[in-house]
N, C-alpha and C. Protein backbone atom coordinates (compact mmCIF):
# COMPACT_ATOMS: atom_id res chain seq x y z
N MET A 1 35.60 4.69 6.90
CA MET A 1 36.51 5.29 5.94
C MET A 1 36.02 5.02 4.52
N TYR A 2 35.75 3.75 4.23
CA TYR A 2 35.37 3.39 2.87
C TYR A 2 34.00 3.95 2.50
N GLU A 3 33.10 3.98 3.46
CA GLU A 3 31.78 4.56 3.21
C GLU A 3 31.90 6.07 2.96
N SER A 4 32.76 6.72 3.74
CA SER A 4 32.97 8.16 3.55
C SER A 4 33.56 8.43 2.18
N LEU A 5 34.51 7.60 1.77
CA LEU A 5 35.13 7.75 0.46
C LEU A 5 34.10 7.55 -0.64
N LYS A 6 33.24 6.58 -0.47
CA LYS A 6 32.18 6.33 -1.44
C LYS A 6 31.24 7.53 -1.52
N ASP A 7 30.90 8.09 -0.37
CA ASP A 7 30.03 9.27 -0.34
C ASP A 7 30.64 10.43 -1.09
N VAL A 8 31.94 10.64 -0.91
CA VAL A 8 32.62 11.74 -1.60
C VAL A 8 32.62 11.50 -3.10
N ARG A 9 32.91 10.28 -3.51
CA ARG A 9 32.93 9.98 -4.94
C ARG A 9 31.57 10.20 -5.60
N GLU A 10 30.51 9.87 -4.88
CA GLU A 10 29.17 9.99 -5.45
C GLU A 10 28.56 11.38 -5.29
N ALA A 11 29.20 12.24 -4.52
CA ALA A 11 28.68 13.59 -4.28
C ALA A 11 28.75 14.44 -5.55
N ALA A 12 27.82 15.36 -5.64
CA ALA A 12 27.78 16.27 -6.79
C ALA A 12 28.67 17.48 -6.48
N LEU A 13 29.97 17.26 -6.47
CA LEU A 13 30.95 18.30 -6.17
C LEU A 13 31.90 18.45 -7.35
N PRO A 14 32.52 19.62 -7.48
CA PRO A 14 33.56 19.77 -8.50
C PRO A 14 34.73 18.82 -8.22
N ALA A 15 35.43 18.43 -9.26
CA ALA A 15 36.52 17.46 -9.13
C ALA A 15 37.58 17.91 -8.13
N GLY A 16 37.92 19.17 -8.14
CA GLY A 16 38.94 19.68 -7.21
C GLY A 16 38.52 19.54 -5.76
N GLU A 17 37.25 19.80 -5.49
CA GLU A 17 36.74 19.69 -4.13
C GLU A 17 36.70 18.22 -3.69
N LYS A 18 36.33 17.33 -4.62
CA LYS A 18 36.33 15.89 -4.32
C LYS A 18 37.75 15.44 -3.98
N ALA A 19 38.70 15.88 -4.77
CA ALA A 19 40.10 15.50 -4.54
C ALA A 19 40.57 15.97 -3.18
N ASP A 20 40.21 17.19 -2.81
CA ASP A 20 40.56 17.74 -1.49
C ASP A 20 39.99 16.88 -0.37
N LYS A 21 38.74 16.53 -0.48
CA LYS A 21 38.09 15.73 0.56
C LYS A 21 38.70 14.34 0.64
N ILE A 22 39.03 13.74 -0.49
CA ILE A 22 39.65 12.41 -0.51
C ILE A 22 41.03 12.45 0.15
N VAL A 23 41.80 13.50 -0.14
CA VAL A 23 43.12 13.64 0.48
C VAL A 23 42.98 13.77 2.00
N LYS A 24 42.03 14.57 2.45
CA LYS A 24 41.82 14.74 3.89
C LYS A 24 41.39 13.43 4.55
N LEU A 25 40.51 12.68 3.90
CA LEU A 25 40.10 11.38 4.42
C LEU A 25 41.28 10.42 4.50
N SER A 26 42.10 10.42 3.48
CA SER A 26 43.27 9.54 3.45
C SER A 26 44.25 9.89 4.57
N ASP A 27 44.48 11.17 4.78
CA ASP A 27 45.37 11.60 5.86
C ASP A 27 44.83 11.17 7.22
N ALA A 28 43.54 11.37 7.43
CA ALA A 28 42.93 10.99 8.70
C ALA A 28 43.01 9.48 8.90
N PHE A 29 42.77 8.72 7.85
CA PHE A 29 42.82 7.27 7.95
C PHE A 29 44.24 6.80 8.27
N ALA A 30 45.23 7.38 7.62
CA ALA A 30 46.63 7.01 7.87
C ALA A 30 47.01 7.30 9.33
N LYS A 31 46.57 8.44 9.84
CA LYS A 31 46.86 8.79 11.23
C LYS A 31 46.17 7.81 12.19
N MET A 32 44.93 7.45 11.90
CA MET A 32 44.21 6.50 12.75
C MET A 32 44.92 5.15 12.75
N LYS A 33 45.36 4.69 11.58
CA LYS A 33 46.06 3.40 11.51
C LYS A 33 47.34 3.43 12.32
N ALA A 34 48.08 4.53 12.25
CA ALA A 34 49.33 4.64 13.00
C ALA A 34 49.06 4.60 14.51
N ILE A 35 48.04 5.28 14.94
CA ILE A 35 47.70 5.30 16.37
C ILE A 35 47.32 3.90 16.84
N VAL A 36 46.46 3.23 16.08
CA VAL A 36 46.03 1.88 16.46
C VAL A 36 47.21 0.93 16.49
N ARG A 37 48.10 1.03 15.52
CA ARG A 37 49.27 0.15 15.44
C ARG A 37 50.13 0.29 16.69
N TYR A 38 50.29 1.50 17.20
CA TYR A 38 51.13 1.71 18.37
C TYR A 38 50.41 1.42 19.68
N GLU A 39 49.11 1.66 19.72
CA GLU A 39 48.36 1.43 20.96
C GLU A 39 48.15 -0.04 21.24
N ASP A 40 47.84 -0.82 20.22
CA ASP A 40 47.58 -2.24 20.42
C ASP A 40 48.08 -3.03 19.20
N PRO A 41 49.39 -3.32 19.18
CA PRO A 41 49.96 -4.02 18.02
C PRO A 41 49.29 -5.36 17.72
N ALA A 42 48.91 -6.11 18.75
CA ALA A 42 48.27 -7.41 18.52
C ALA A 42 46.93 -7.25 17.82
N ALA A 43 46.14 -6.28 18.25
CA ALA A 43 44.84 -6.04 17.61
C ALA A 43 45.03 -5.59 16.17
N TYR A 44 46.06 -4.79 15.93
CA TYR A 44 46.35 -4.32 14.57
C TYR A 44 46.68 -5.51 13.67
N LYS A 45 47.53 -6.42 14.15
CA LYS A 45 47.90 -7.60 13.37
C LYS A 45 46.67 -8.47 13.09
N HIS A 46 45.85 -8.65 14.11
CA HIS A 46 44.66 -9.47 13.92
C HIS A 46 43.70 -8.82 12.93
N GLY A 47 43.64 -7.51 12.95
CA GLY A 47 42.79 -6.80 11.98
C GLY A 47 43.26 -7.03 10.56
N ILE A 48 44.58 -7.03 10.36
CA ILE A 48 45.14 -7.28 9.03
C ILE A 48 44.82 -8.71 8.60
N ILE A 49 45.02 -9.65 9.50
CA ILE A 49 44.73 -11.05 9.19
C ILE A 49 43.27 -11.22 8.80
N LYS A 50 42.39 -10.64 9.59
CA LYS A 50 40.95 -10.75 9.33
C LYS A 50 40.61 -10.16 7.97
N HIS A 51 41.17 -9.01 7.66
CA HIS A 51 40.88 -8.35 6.39
C HIS A 51 41.37 -9.20 5.20
N VAL A 52 42.57 -9.73 5.30
CA VAL A 52 43.13 -10.54 4.21
C VAL A 52 42.27 -11.79 3.99
N ILE A 53 41.92 -12.46 5.07
CA ILE A 53 41.09 -13.66 4.94
C ILE A 53 39.74 -13.31 4.32
N LYS A 54 39.16 -12.20 4.74
CA LYS A 54 37.87 -11.78 4.21
C LYS A 54 37.96 -11.49 2.71
N VAL A 55 38.98 -10.76 2.29
CA VAL A 55 39.14 -10.40 0.88
C VAL A 55 39.33 -11.65 0.02
N ILE A 56 40.17 -12.57 0.48
CA ILE A 56 40.40 -13.80 -0.27
C ILE A 56 39.12 -14.63 -0.34
N GLY A 57 38.45 -14.77 0.80
CA GLY A 57 37.20 -15.54 0.83
C GLY A 57 36.14 -14.95 -0.09
N GLU A 58 36.00 -13.64 -0.07
CA GLU A 58 35.01 -12.99 -0.95
C GLU A 58 35.38 -13.16 -2.43
N GLY A 59 36.69 -13.12 -2.72
CA GLY A 59 37.14 -13.33 -4.10
C GLY A 59 36.81 -14.73 -4.59
N ILE A 60 37.05 -15.71 -3.74
CA ILE A 60 36.74 -17.10 -4.11
C ILE A 60 35.23 -17.26 -4.26
N LYS A 61 34.48 -16.69 -3.33
CA LYS A 61 33.01 -16.79 -3.38
C LYS A 61 32.47 -16.15 -4.66
N ALA A 62 33.03 -15.01 -5.05
CA ALA A 62 32.58 -14.31 -6.25
C ALA A 62 32.80 -15.15 -7.52
N ARG A 63 33.82 -15.99 -7.49
CA ARG A 63 34.08 -16.86 -8.64
C ARG A 63 33.07 -18.00 -8.73
N GLY A 64 32.37 -18.25 -7.63
CA GLY A 64 31.37 -19.30 -7.63
C GLY A 64 31.95 -20.70 -7.52
N ASP A 65 33.18 -20.79 -7.07
CA ASP A 65 33.84 -22.10 -6.94
C ASP A 65 33.65 -22.60 -5.51
N LYS A 66 32.56 -23.32 -5.29
CA LYS A 66 32.21 -23.78 -3.96
C LYS A 66 33.27 -24.73 -3.40
N ALA A 67 33.83 -25.60 -4.23
CA ALA A 67 34.84 -26.55 -3.77
C ALA A 67 36.08 -25.81 -3.28
N LEU A 68 36.51 -24.80 -4.02
CA LEU A 68 37.69 -24.02 -3.61
C LEU A 68 37.41 -23.26 -2.32
N LEU A 69 36.21 -22.72 -2.19
CA LEU A 69 35.84 -22.01 -0.97
C LEU A 69 35.86 -22.95 0.23
N GLU A 70 35.38 -24.17 0.05
CA GLU A 70 35.41 -25.15 1.13
C GLU A 70 36.85 -25.49 1.54
N VAL A 71 37.72 -25.64 0.55
CA VAL A 71 39.14 -25.91 0.84
C VAL A 71 39.76 -24.73 1.57
N PHE A 72 39.46 -23.52 1.12
CA PHE A 72 39.98 -22.31 1.77
C PHE A 72 39.56 -22.26 3.23
N ILE A 73 38.28 -22.50 3.50
CA ILE A 73 37.78 -22.49 4.88
C ILE A 73 38.46 -23.57 5.71
N GLU A 74 38.65 -24.73 5.12
CA GLU A 74 39.32 -25.84 5.81
C GLU A 74 40.75 -25.46 6.19
N VAL A 75 41.48 -24.86 5.27
CA VAL A 75 42.87 -24.45 5.53
C VAL A 75 42.92 -23.38 6.61
N VAL A 76 42.02 -22.42 6.54
CA VAL A 76 41.98 -21.36 7.56
C VAL A 76 41.69 -21.98 8.93
N ASP A 77 40.74 -22.90 8.98
CA ASP A 77 40.43 -23.57 10.25
C ASP A 77 41.62 -24.35 10.79
N GLN A 78 42.33 -25.04 9.92
CA GLN A 78 43.47 -25.87 10.34
C GLN A 78 44.65 -25.04 10.82
N HIS A 79 44.88 -23.91 10.19
CA HIS A 79 46.10 -23.14 10.45
C HIS A 79 45.85 -21.79 11.11
N GLY A 80 44.65 -21.55 11.56
CA GLY A 80 44.29 -20.26 12.13
C GLY A 80 45.20 -19.81 13.25
N ASP A 81 45.63 -20.73 14.11
CA ASP A 81 46.48 -20.38 15.24
C ASP A 81 47.87 -19.94 14.80
N GLU A 82 48.28 -20.33 13.61
CA GLU A 82 49.62 -20.00 13.13
C GLU A 82 49.72 -18.61 12.50
N PHE A 83 48.60 -18.03 12.13
CA PHE A 83 48.64 -16.75 11.43
C PHE A 83 49.31 -15.65 12.24
N ASP A 84 49.05 -15.59 13.51
CA ASP A 84 49.64 -14.54 14.35
C ASP A 84 51.16 -14.69 14.43
N VAL A 85 51.63 -15.91 14.42
CA VAL A 85 53.08 -16.16 14.53
C VAL A 85 53.80 -15.66 13.28
N ALA A 86 53.14 -15.79 12.11
CA ALA A 86 53.77 -15.39 10.86
C ALA A 86 54.03 -13.90 10.78
N LEU A 87 53.28 -13.11 11.53
CA LEU A 87 53.48 -11.66 11.51
C LEU A 87 54.54 -11.31 12.50
């Protein structure tokens, strides 16, 4: 999804055509998410957890704060089993 969106943004197309393609991609993505959520709710929850952890970890890494990243990893390791319960 994100690669397709990037391709559309970088394409040499008129703005209106880009907007059309982005809307279609968004609709398709929303439909896929809804299907996945209903077919396998546990996998959907785990996907959200994984994405959130990844985004936070990358944000900390980008700041260059190695000590904070180590603490973040430690907390995730300690409480990883609890994440599913919170959802």
